[in-house]
């Protein structure tokens, strides 16, 4: 089993209201500069989120999540973005080796 941590918010918040694209691009560039494998993903697939992340919400909303195996990165995102829900889950799925593109559709 693998441990993953997430920052969850509405798709609109993560893709339009906050500079998440810039944050993830800067993090990607940093990882590339130190030869570290990417360990975070922006996931907009509602089935993946529903199957792995449990949260109480009476009204359906379209959620997206930044998922990472790095707990500190998710905690930093919570401080940076503020209006996200954070948590963790365990999965048999190794996202490092999984075709994550199938999770973004």
PDB file of N, CA and C in Angstrom:
ATOM      1  N   UNK A   1       0.837  -1.181   0.000  1.00  0.00           N
ATOM      2  CA  UNK A   1       0.000   0.000   0.000  1.00  0.00           C
ATOM      3  C   UNK A   1       0.888   1.252   0.000  1.00  0.00           C
ATOM      4  N   UNK A   2       0.390   2.269  -0.651  1.00  0.00           N
ATOM      5  CA  UNK A   2       1.110   3.532  -0.762  1.00  0.00           C
ATOM      6  C   UNK A   2       0.340   4.619  -0.022  1.00  0.00           C
ATOM      7  N   UNK A   3       1.055   5.513   0.630  1.00  0.00           N
ATOM      8  CA  UNK A   3       0.442   6.650   1.319  1.00  0.00           C
ATOM      9  C   UNK A   3       0.442   7.850   0.390  1.00  0.00           C
ATOM     10  N   UNK A   4      -0.716   8.478   0.279  1.00  0.00           N
ATOM     11  CA  UNK A   4      -0.849   9.694  -0.516  1.00  0.00           C
ATOM     12  C   UNK A   4      -1.536  10.761   0.315  1.00  0.00           C
ATOM     13  N   UNK A   5      -1.216  11.987   0.017  1.00  0.00           N
ATOM     14  CA  UNK A   5      -1.773  13.142   0.703  1.00  0.00           C
ATOM     15  C   UNK A   5      -2.402  14.020  -0.363  1.00  0.00           C
ATOM     16  N   UNK A   6      -3.435  14.766   0.006  1.00  0.00           N
ATOM     17  CA  UNK A   6      -4.133  15.547  -1.008  1.00  0.00           C
ATOM     18  C   UNK A   6      -4.552  16.907  -0.489  1.00  0.00           C
ATOM     19  N   UNK A   7      -4.697  17.821  -1.428  1.00  0.00           N
ATOM     20  CA  UNK A   7      -5.334  19.118  -1.215  1.00  0.00           C
ATOM     21  C   UNK A   7      -6.501  19.143  -2.192  1.00  0.00           C
ATOM     22  N   UNK A   8      -7.707  19.228  -1.665  1.00  0.00           N
ATOM     23  CA  UNK A   8      -8.930  19.112  -2.460  1.00  0.00           C
ATOM     24  C   UNK A   8      -9.665  20.441  -2.474  1.00  0.00           C
ATOM     25  N   UNK A   9     -10.161  20.823  -3.638  1.00  0.00           N
ATOM     26  CA  UNK A   9     -10.966  22.039  -3.777  1.00  0.00           C
ATOM     27  C   UNK A   9     -11.804  21.898  -5.038  1.00  0.00           C
ATOM     28  N   UNK A  10     -12.611  22.895  -5.303  1.00  0.00           N
ATOM     29  CA  UNK A  10     -13.398  22.847  -6.533  1.00  0.00           C
ATOM     30  C   UNK A  10     -12.461  22.989  -7.732  1.00  0.00           C
ATOM     31  N   UNK A  11     -12.885  22.434  -8.846  1.00  0.00           N
ATOM     32  CA  UNK A  11     -12.102  22.554 -10.079  1.00  0.00           C
ATOM     33  C   UNK A  11     -11.883  24.027 -10.398  1.00  0.00           C
ATOM     34  N   UNK A  12     -12.924  24.829 -10.255  1.00  0.00           N
ATOM     35  CA  UNK A  12     -12.827  26.252 -10.558  1.00  0.00           C
ATOM     36  C   UNK A  12     -11.755  26.932  -9.698  1.00  0.00           C
ATOM     37  N   UNK A  13     -11.741  26.624  -8.425  1.00  0.00           N
ATOM     38  CA  UNK A  13     -10.758  27.240  -7.528  1.00  0.00           C
ATOM     39  C   UNK A  13      -9.336  26.860  -7.931  1.00  0.00           C
ATOM     40  N   UNK A  14      -9.109  25.571  -8.165  1.00  0.00           N
ATOM     41  CA  UNK A  14      -7.746  25.123  -8.468  1.00  0.00           C
ATOM     42  C   UNK A  14      -7.283  25.484  -9.871  1.00  0.00           C
ATOM     43  N   UNK A  15      -8.212  25.665 -10.800  1.00  0.00           N
ATOM     44  CA  UNK A  15      -7.784  25.926 -12.179  1.00  0.00           C
ATOM     45  C   UNK A  15      -7.963  27.374 -12.627  1.00  0.00           C
ATOM     46  N   UNK A  16      -8.758  28.155 -11.888  1.00  0.00           N
ATOM     47  CA  UNK A  16      -8.999  29.533 -12.333  1.00  0.00           C
ATOM     48  C   UNK A  16      -8.705  30.592 -11.274  1.00  0.00           C
ATOM     49  N   UNK A  17      -9.060  30.320 -10.027  1.00  0.00           N
ATOM     50  CA  UNK A  17      -8.948  31.353  -9.000  1.00  0.00           C
ATOM     51  C   UNK A  17      -7.567  31.452  -8.369  1.00  0.00           C
ATOM     52  N   UNK A  18      -6.805  30.395  -8.387  1.00  0.00           N
ATOM     53  CA  UNK A  18      -5.480  30.384  -7.772  1.00  0.00           C
ATOM     54  C   UNK A  18      -4.422  30.045  -8.824  1.00  0.00           C
ATOM     55  N   UNK A  19      -3.194  30.501  -8.606  1.00  0.00           N
ATOM     56  CA  UNK A  19      -2.126  30.252  -9.587  1.00  0.00           C
ATOM     57  C   UNK A  19      -1.524  28.851  -9.450  1.00  0.00           C
ATOM     58  N   UNK A  20      -2.374  27.837  -9.411  1.00  0.00           N
ATOM     59  CA  UNK A  20      -1.896  26.467  -9.201  1.00  0.00           C
ATOM     60  C   UNK A  20      -0.999  26.010 -10.342  1.00  0.00           C
ATOM     61  N   UNK A  21      -1.348  26.387 -11.560  1.00  0.00           N
ATOM     62  CA  UNK A  21      -0.511  25.992 -12.699  1.00  0.00           C
ATOM     63  C   UNK A  21       0.918  26.501 -12.503  1.00  0.00           C
ATOM     64  N   UNK A  22       1.043  27.740 -12.088  1.00  0.00           N
ATOM     65  CA  UNK A  22       2.369  28.316 -11.858  1.00  0.00           C
ATOM     66  C   UNK A  22       3.089  27.608 -10.709  1.00  0.00           C
ATOM     67  N   UNK A  23       2.375  27.323  -9.631  1.00  0.00           N
ATOM     68  CA  UNK A  23       2.966  26.626  -8.487  1.00  0.00           C
ATOM     69  C   UNK A  23       3.501  25.264  -8.914  1.00  0.00           C
ATOM     70  N   UNK A  24       2.688  24.510  -9.658  1.00  0.00           N
ATOM     71  CA  UNK A  24       3.102  23.168 -10.081  1.00  0.00           C
ATOM     72  C   UNK A  24       4.229  23.225 -11.107  1.00  0.00           C
ATOM     73  N   UNK A  25       4.194  24.219 -11.985  1.00  0.00           N
ATOM     74  CA  UNK A  25       5.273  24.375 -12.967  1.00  0.00           C
ATOM     75  C   UNK A  25       6.595  24.689 -12.259  1.00  0.00           C
ATOM     76  N   UNK A  26       6.567  25.596 -11.270  1.00  0.00           N
ATOM     77  CA  UNK A  26       7.782  25.924 -10.522  1.00  0.00           C
ATOM     78  C   UNK A  26       8.302  24.708  -9.761  1.00  0.00           C
ATOM     79  N   UNK A  27       7.389  23.939  -9.182  1.00  0.00           N
ATOM     80  CA  UNK A  27       7.802  22.736  -8.446  1.00  0.00           C
ATOM     81  C   UNK A  27       8.406  21.716  -9.408  1.00  0.00           C
ATOM     82  N   UNK A  28       7.806  21.565 -10.587  1.00  0.00           N
ATOM     83  CA  UNK A  28       8.339  20.651 -11.599  1.00  0.00           C
ATOM     84  C   UNK A  28       9.746  21.078 -12.013  1.00  0.00           C
ATOM     85  N   UNK A  29       9.932  22.363 -12.263  1.00  0.00           N
ATOM     86  CA  UNK A  29      11.260  22.862 -12.636  1.00  0.00           C
ATOM     87  C   UNK A  29      12.277  22.613 -11.527  1.00  0.00           C
ATOM     88  N   UNK A  30      11.861  22.817 -10.289  1.00  0.00           N
ATOM     89  CA  UNK A  30      12.759  22.558  -9.158  1.00  0.00           C
ATOM     90  C   UNK A  30      13.133  21.081  -9.098  1.00  0.00           C
ATOM     91  N   UNK A  31      12.150  20.204  -9.214  1.00  0.00           N
ATOM     92  CA  UNK A  31      12.428  18.762  -9.191  1.00  0.00           C
ATOM     93  C   UNK A  31      13.378  18.375 -10.317  1.00  0.00           C
ATOM     94  N   UNK A  32      13.148  18.921 -11.508  1.00  0.00           N
ATOM     95  CA  UNK A  32      14.034  18.622 -12.638  1.00  0.00           C
ATOM     96  C   UNK A  32      15.460  19.091 -12.356  1.00  0.00           C
ATOM     97  N   UNK A  33      15.604  20.235 -11.706  1.00  0.00           N
ATOM     98  CA  UNK A  33      16.944  20.772 -11.438  1.00  0.00           C
ATOM     99  C   UNK A  33      17.721  19.934 -10.427  1.00  0.00           C
ATOM    100  N   UNK A  34      17.008  19.201  -9.571  1.00  0.00           N
ATOM    101  CA  UNK A  34      17.693  18.349  -8.586  1.00  0.00           C
ATOM    102  C   UNK A  34      17.557  16.866  -8.938  1.00  0.00           C
ATOM    103  N   UNK A  35      17.092  16.588 -10.158  1.00  0.00           N
ATOM    104  CA  UNK A  35      16.926  15.212 -10.649  1.00  0.00           C
ATOM    105  C   UNK A  35      16.030  14.361  -9.750  1.00  0.00           C
ATOM    106  N   UNK A  36      14.939  14.946  -9.296  1.00  0.00           N
ATOM    107  CA  UNK A  36      13.973  14.225  -8.460  1.00  0.00           C
ATOM    108  C   UNK A  36      12.751  13.885  -9.297  1.00  0.00           C
ATOM    109  N   UNK A  37      12.241  12.673  -9.131  1.00  0.00           N
ATOM    110  CA  UNK A  37      11.037  12.261  -9.848  1.00  0.00           C
ATOM    111  C   UNK A  37       9.828  13.043  -9.342  1.00  0.00           C
ATOM    112  N   UNK A  38       8.913  13.320 -10.255  1.00  0.00           N
ATOM    113  CA  UNK A  38       7.673  14.014  -9.903  1.00  0.00           C
ATOM    114  C   UNK A  38       6.859  13.116  -8.975  1.00  0.00           C
ATOM    115  N   UNK A  39       6.417  13.672  -7.860  1.00  0.00           N
ATOM    116  CA  UNK A  39       5.625  12.902  -6.900  1.00  0.00           C
ATOM    117  C   UNK A  39       4.313  13.611  -6.558  1.00  0.00           C
ATOM    118  N   UNK A  40       3.797  14.379  -7.514  1.00  0.00           N
ATOM    119  CA  UNK A  40       2.527  15.074  -7.307  1.00  0.00           C
ATOM    120  C   UNK A  40       1.769  15.125  -8.628  1.00  0.00           C
ATOM    121  N   UNK A  41       0.443  15.182  -8.516  1.00  0.00           N
ATOM    122  CA  UNK A  41      -0.416  15.153  -9.687  1.00  0.00           C
ATOM    123  C   UNK A  41      -1.651  15.995  -9.427  1.00  0.00           C
ATOM    124  N   UNK A  42      -2.105  16.721 -10.436  1.00  0.00           N
ATOM    125  CA  UNK A  42      -3.392  17.415 -10.383  1.00  0.00           C
ATOM    126  C   UNK A  42      -4.401  16.476 -11.012  1.00  0.00           C
ATOM    127  N   UNK A  43      -5.367  16.048 -10.221  1.00  0.00           N
ATOM    128  CA  UNK A  43      -6.324  15.043 -10.677  1.00  0.00           C
ATOM    129  C   UNK A  43      -7.716  15.650 -10.704  1.00  0.00           C
ATOM    130  N   UNK A  44      -8.341  15.591 -11.877  1.00  0.00           N
ATOM    131  CA  UNK A  44      -9.699  16.109 -12.029  1.00  0.00           C
ATOM    132  C   UNK A  44     -10.698  15.003 -12.308  1.00  0.00           C
ATOM    133  N   UNK A  45     -10.303  13.781 -12.153  1.00  0.00           N
ATOM    134  CA  UNK A  45     -11.184  12.644 -12.423  1.00  0.00           C
ATOM    135  C   UNK A  45     -12.042  12.377 -11.195  1.00  0.00           C
ATOM    136  N   UNK A  46     -13.337  12.640 -11.316  1.00  0.00           N
ATOM    137  CA  UNK A  46     -14.218  12.516 -10.152  1.00  0.00           C
ATOM    138  C   UNK A  46     -14.311  11.085  -9.646  1.00  0.00           C
ATOM    139  N   UNK A  47     -14.208  10.094 -10.519  1.00  0.00           N
ATOM    140  CA  UNK A  47     -14.255   8.701 -10.062  1.00  0.00           C
ATOM    141  C   UNK A  47     -13.056   8.378  -9.183  1.00  0.00           C
ATOM    142  N   UNK A  48     -11.886   8.824  -9.579  1.00  0.00           N
ATOM    143  CA  UNK A  48     -10.696   8.590  -8.756  1.00  0.00           C
ATOM    144  C   UNK A  48     -10.861   9.256  -7.397  1.00  0.00           C
ATOM    145  N   UNK A  49     -11.325  10.488  -7.388  1.00  0.00           N
ATOM    146  CA  UNK A  49     -11.502  11.212  -6.125  1.00  0.00           C
ATOM    147  C   UNK A  49     -12.548  10.519  -5.256  1.00  0.00           C
ATOM    148  N   UNK A  50     -13.686  10.151  -5.838  1.00  0.00           N
ATOM    149  CA  UNK A  50     -14.743   9.485  -5.065  1.00  0.00           C
ATOM    150  C   UNK A  50     -14.280   8.152  -4.501  1.00  0.00           C
ATOM    151  N   UNK A  51     -13.451   7.434  -5.236  1.00  0.00           N
ATOM    152  CA  UNK A  51     -12.994   6.120  -4.789  1.00  0.00           C
ATOM    153  C   UNK A  51     -11.886   6.186  -3.742  1.00  0.00           C
ATOM    154  N   UNK A  52     -11.204   7.305  -3.639  1.00  0.00           N
ATOM    155  CA  UNK A  52     -10.052   7.382  -2.744  1.00  0.00           C
ATOM    156  C   UNK A  52     -10.160   8.432  -1.641  1.00  0.00           C
ATOM    157  N   UNK A  53     -11.002   9.423  -1.836  1.00  0.00           N
ATOM    158  CA  UNK A  53     -11.082  10.526  -0.886  1.00  0.00           C
ATOM    159  C   UNK A  53     -12.515  10.637  -0.385  1.00  0.00           C
ATOM    160  N   UNK A  54     -12.684  10.559   0.922  1.00  0.00           N
ATOM    161  CA  UNK A  54     -14.003  10.666   1.529  1.00  0.00           C
ATOM    162  C   UNK A  54     -14.132  12.030   2.194  1.00  0.00           C
ATOM    163  N   UNK A  55     -15.209  12.727   1.878  1.00  0.00           N
ATOM    164  CA  UNK A  55     -15.471  14.000   2.537  1.00  0.00           C
ATOM    165  C   UNK A  55     -16.977  14.211   2.585  1.00  0.00           C
ATOM    166  N   UNK A  56     -17.409  14.996   3.552  1.00  0.00           N
ATOM    167  CA  UNK A  56     -18.834  15.272   3.721  1.00  0.00           C
ATOM    168  C   UNK A  56     -19.218  16.476   2.885  1.00  0.00           C
ATOM    169  N   UNK A  57     -20.155  16.281   1.980  1.00  0.00           N
ATOM    170  CA  UNK A  57     -20.625  17.368   1.131  1.00  0.00           C
ATOM    171  C   UNK A  57     -22.052  17.054   0.743  1.00  0.00           C
ATOM    172  N   UNK A  58     -22.984  17.885   1.164  1.00  0.00           N
ATOM    173  CA  UNK A  58     -24.388  17.611   0.861  1.00  0.00           C
ATOM    174  C   UNK A  58     -24.731  17.933  -0.590  1.00  0.00           C
ATOM    175  N   UNK A  59     -24.100  18.929  -1.153  1.00  0.00           N
ATOM    176  CA  UNK A  59     -24.336  19.295  -2.545  1.00  0.00           C
ATOM    177  C   UNK A  59     -23.175  18.799  -3.402  1.00  0.00           C
ATOM    178  N   UNK A  60     -23.477  18.201  -4.543  1.00  0.00           N
ATOM    179  CA  UNK A  60     -22.378  17.750  -5.403  1.00  0.00           C
ATOM    180  C   UNK A  60     -21.613  18.945  -5.977  1.00  0.00           C
ATOM    181  N   UNK A  61     -20.304  18.861  -5.920  1.00  0.00           N
ATOM    182  CA  UNK A  61     -19.457  19.873  -6.544  1.00  0.00           C
ATOM    183  C   UNK A  61     -18.419  19.152  -7.384  1.00  0.00           C
ATOM    184  N   UNK A  62     -17.905  19.838  -8.367  1.00  0.00           N
ATOM    185  CA  UNK A  62     -16.876  19.259  -9.210  1.00  0.00           C
ATOM    186  C   UNK A  62     -15.532  19.565  -8.568  1.00  0.00           C
ATOM    187  N   UNK A  63     -14.909  18.523  -8.067  1.00  0.00           N
ATOM    188  CA  UNK A  63     -13.664  18.679  -7.311  1.00  0.00           C
ATOM    189  C   UNK A  63     -12.451  18.292  -8.138  1.00  0.00           C
ATOM    190  N   UNK A  64     -11.357  18.853  -7.728  1.00  0.00           N
ATOM    191  CA  UNK A  64     -10.048  18.458  -8.236  1.00  0.00           C
ATOM    192  C   UNK A  64      -9.158  18.311  -7.017  1.00  0.00           C
ATOM    193  N   UNK A  65      -8.107  17.558  -7.167  1.00  0.00           N
ATOM    194  CA  UNK A  65      -7.189  17.356  -6.048  1.00  0.00           C
ATOM    195  C   UNK A  65      -5.759  17.371  -6.546  1.00  0.00           C
ATOM    196  N   UNK A  66      -4.909  17.944  -5.746  1.00  0.00           N
ATOM    197  CA  UNK A  66      -3.480  17.789  -5.948  1.00  0.00           C
ATOM    198  C   UNK A  66      -3.079  16.674  -4.998  1.00  0.00           C
ATOM    199  N   UNK A  67      -2.582  15.597  -5.564  1.00  0.00           N
ATOM    200  CA  UNK A  67      -2.228  14.409  -4.797  1.00  0.00           C
ATOM    201  C   UNK A  67      -0.716  14.253  -4.843  1.00  0.00           C
ATOM    202  N   UNK A  68      -0.134  13.898  -3.702  1.00  0.00           N
ATOM    203  CA  UNK A  68       1.315  13.742  -3.636  1.00  0.00           C
ATOM    204  C   UNK A  68       1.681  12.680  -2.615  1.00  0.00           C
ATOM    205  N   UNK A  69       2.835  12.096  -2.803  1.00  0.00           N
ATOM    206  CA  UNK A  69       3.375  11.200  -1.783  1.00  0.00           C
ATOM    207  C   UNK A  69       4.189  11.988  -0.754  1.00  0.00           C
ATOM    208  N   UNK A  70       4.308  13.292  -0.951  1.00  0.00           N
ATOM    209  CA  UNK A  70       5.067  14.177  -0.069  1.00  0.00           C
ATOM    210  C   UNK A  70       4.112  14.964   0.835  1.00  0.00           C
ATOM    211  N   UNK A  71       3.996  14.535   2.074  1.00  0.00           N
ATOM    212  CA  UNK A  71       3.083  15.172   3.029  1.00  0.00           C
ATOM    213  C   UNK A  71       3.429  16.647   3.247  1.00  0.00           C
ATOM    214  N   UNK A  72       4.716  16.965   3.305  1.00  0.00           N
ATOM    215  CA  UNK A  72       5.136  18.349   3.538  1.00  0.00           C
ATOM    216  C   UNK A  72       4.691  19.272   2.411  1.00  0.00           C
ATOM    217  N   UNK A  73       4.732  18.794   1.172  1.00  0.00           N
ATOM    218  CA  UNK A  73       4.287  19.605   0.041  1.00  0.00           C
ATOM    219  C   UNK A  73       2.802  19.930   0.168  1.00  0.00           C
ATOM    220  N   UNK A  74       1.994  18.962   0.544  1.00  0.00           N
ATOM    221  CA  UNK A  74       0.555  19.198   0.692  1.00  0.00           C
ATOM    222  C   UNK A  74       0.294  20.159   1.851  1.00  0.00           C
ATOM    223  N   UNK A  75       1.033  20.034   2.934  1.00  0.00           N
ATOM    224  CA  UNK A  75       0.878  20.979   4.047  1.00  0.00           C
ATOM    225  C   UNK A  75       1.260  22.389   3.613  1.00  0.00           C
ATOM    226  N   UNK A  76       2.319  22.502   2.805  1.00  0.00           N
ATOM    227  CA  UNK A  76       2.708  23.805   2.287  1.00  0.00           C
ATOM    228  C   UNK A  76       1.610  24.374   1.388  1.00  0.00           C
ATOM    229  N   UNK A  77       1.007  23.521   0.542  1.00  0.00           N
ATOM    230  CA  UNK A  77      -0.093  23.980  -0.317  1.00  0.00           C
ATOM    231  C   UNK A  77      -1.263  24.496   0.511  1.00  0.00           C
ATOM    232  N   UNK A  78      -1.574  23.820   1.604  1.00  0.00           N
ATOM    233  CA  UNK A  78      -2.661  24.268   2.483  1.00  0.00           C
ATOM    234  C   UNK A  78      -2.375  25.681   2.986  1.00  0.00           C
ATOM    235  N   UNK A  79      -1.141  25.937   3.392  1.00  0.00           N
ATOM    236  CA  UNK A  79      -0.774  27.274   3.857  1.00  0.00           C
ATOM    237  C   UNK A  79      -0.815  28.292   2.724  1.00  0.00           C
ATOM    238  N   UNK A  80      -0.413  27.879   1.544  1.00  0.00           N
ATOM    239  CA  UNK A  80      -0.347  28.783   0.383  1.00  0.00           C
ATOM    240  C   UNK A  80      -1.724  29.081  -0.193  1.00  0.00           C
ATOM    241  N   UNK A  81      -2.569  28.052  -0.316  1.00  0.00           N
ATOM    242  CA  UNK A  81      -3.864  28.211  -0.976  1.00  0.00           C
ATOM    243  C   UNK A  81      -5.009  28.491   0.003  1.00  0.00           C
ATOM    244  N   UNK A  82      -4.867  28.117   1.226  1.00  0.00           N
ATOM    245  CA  UNK A  82      -5.806  28.316   2.332  1.00  0.00           C
ATOM    246  C   UNK A  82      -7.131  27.585   2.139  1.00  0.00           C
ATOM    247  N   UNK A  83      -7.862  27.855   1.066  1.00  0.00           N
ATOM    248  CA  UNK A  83      -9.217  27.327   0.901  1.00  0.00           C
ATOM    249  C   UNK A  83      -9.236  25.951   0.237  1.00  0.00           C
ATOM    250  N   UNK A  84      -8.492  25.029   0.809  1.00  0.00           N
ATOM    251  CA  UNK A  84      -8.484  23.643   0.343  1.00  0.00           C
ATOM    252  C   UNK A  84      -8.690  22.734   1.551  1.00  0.00           C
ATOM    253  N   UNK A  85      -9.197  21.555   1.287  1.00  0.00           N
ATOM    254  CA  UNK A  85      -9.328  20.522   2.305  1.00  0.00           C
ATOM    255  C   UNK A  85      -8.159  19.574   2.111  1.00  0.00           C
ATOM    256  N   UNK A  86      -7.467  19.260   3.181  1.00  0.00           N
ATOM    257  CA  UNK A  86      -6.341  18.339   3.065  1.00  0.00           C
ATOM    258  C   UNK A  86      -6.647  17.046   3.804  1.00  0.00           C
ATOM    259  N   UNK A  87      -5.968  16.012   3.398  1.00  0.00           N
ATOM    260  CA  UNK A  87      -6.140  14.718   4.037  1.00  0.00           C
ATOM    261  C   UNK A  87      -5.175  13.719   3.448  1.00  0.00           C
ATOM    262  N   UNK A  88      -5.434  12.467   3.742  1.00  0.00           N
ATOM    263  CA  UNK A  88      -4.562  11.408   3.233  1.00  0.00           C
ATOM    264  C   UNK A  88      -5.374  10.157   2.974  1.00  0.00           C
ATOM    265  N   UNK A  89      -4.816   9.275   2.163  1.00  0.00           N
ATOM    266  CA  UNK A  89      -5.426   7.978   1.901  1.00  0.00           C
ATOM    267  C   UNK A  89      -4.328   6.991   1.545  1.00  0.00           C
ATOM    268  N   UNK A  90      -4.676   5.735   1.651  1.00  0.00           N
ATOM    269  CA  UNK A  90      -3.767   4.652   1.264  1.00  0.00           C
ATOM    270  C   UNK A  90      -4.364   3.977   0.037  1.00  0.00           C
ATOM    271  N   UNK A  91      -3.491   3.582  -0.875  1.00  0.00           N
ATOM    272  CA  UNK A  91      -3.953   2.942  -2.101  1.00  0.00           C
ATOM    273  C   UNK A  91      -2.955   1.879  -2.539  1.00  0.00           C
ATOM    274  N   UNK A  92      -3.477   0.863  -3.190  1.00  0.00           N
ATOM    275  CA  UNK A  92      -2.599  -0.145  -3.795  1.00  0.00           C
ATOM    276  C   UNK A  92      -1.974   0.395  -5.072  1.00  0.00           C
ATOM    277  N   UNK A  93      -2.509   1.494  -5.596  1.00  0.00           N
ATOM    278  CA  UNK A  93      -2.067   2.077  -6.853  1.00  0.00           C
ATOM    279  C   UNK A  93      -0.801   2.910  -6.643  1.00  0.00           C
ATOM    280  N   UNK A  94       0.256   2.575  -7.364  1.00  0.00           N
ATOM    281  CA  UNK A  94       1.497   3.340  -7.320  1.00  0.00           C
ATOM    282  C   UNK A  94       1.418   4.412  -8.403  1.00  0.00           C
ATOM    283  N   UNK A  95       1.063   5.626  -8.021  1.00  0.00           N
ATOM    284  CA  UNK A  95       0.881   6.693  -9.000  1.00  0.00           C
ATOM    285  C   UNK A  95       2.165   7.040  -9.729  1.00  0.00           C
ATOM    286  N   UNK A  96       3.316   6.757  -9.121  1.00  0.00           N
ATOM    287  CA  UNK A  96       4.589   7.006  -9.804  1.00  0.00           C
ATOM    288  C   UNK A  96       4.710   6.170 -11.074  1.00  0.00           C
ATOM    289  N   UNK A  97       4.106   5.003 -11.071  1.00  0.00           N
ATOM    290  CA  UNK A  97       4.231   4.092 -12.212  1.00  0.00           C
ATOM    291  C   UNK A  97       2.949   4.001 -13.039  1.00  0.00           C
ATOM    292  N   UNK A  98       1.891   4.620 -12.556  1.00  0.00           N
ATOM    293  CA  UNK A  98       0.595   4.557 -13.216  1.00  0.00           C
ATOM    294  C   UNK A  98       0.512   5.650 -14.265  1.00  0.00           C
ATOM    295  N   UNK A  99      -0.237   5.393 -15.316  1.00  0.00           N
ATOM    296  CA  UNK A  99      -0.440   6.410 -16.343  1.00  0.00           C
ATOM    297  C   UNK A  99      -1.432   7.433 -15.806  1.00  0.00           C
ATOM    298  N   UNK A 100      -0.919   8.474 -15.178  1.00  0.00           N
ATOM    299  CA  UNK A 100      -1.767   9.446 -14.502  1.00  0.00           C
ATOM    300  C   UNK A 100      -2.649  10.199 -15.488  1.00  0.00           C
ATOM    301  N   UNK A 101      -2.291  10.232 -16.748  1.00  0.00           N
ATOM    302  CA  UNK A 101      -3.149  10.909 -17.725  1.00  0.00           C
ATOM    303  C   UNK A 101      -4.558  10.342 -17.727  1.00  0.00           C
ATOM    304  N   UNK A 102      -4.705   9.077 -17.349  1.00  0.00           N
ATOM    305  CA  UNK A 102      -6.044   8.496 -17.306  1.00  0.00           C
ATOM    306  C   UNK A 102      -6.848   9.047 -16.137  1.00  0.00           C
ATOM    307  N   UNK A 103      -6.196   9.706 -15.196  1.00  0.00           N
ATOM    308  CA  UNK A 103      -6.889  10.247 -14.032  1.00  0.00           C
ATOM    309  C   UNK A 103      -7.343  11.682 -14.232  1.00  0.00           C
ATOM    310  N   UNK A 104      -6.907  12.319 -15.290  1.00  0.00           N
ATOM    311  CA  UNK A 104      -7.211  13.731 -15.451  1.00  0.00           C
ATOM    312  C   UNK A 104      -8.395  13.991 -16.358  1.00  0.00           C
ATOM    313  N   UNK A 105      -8.943  12.968 -16.934  1.00  0.00           N
ATOM    314  CA  UNK A 105     -10.049  13.164 -17.866  1.00  0.00           C
ATOM    315  C   UNK A 105     -11.383  13.284 -17.218  1.00  0.00           C
TER     316      UNK A 105
END
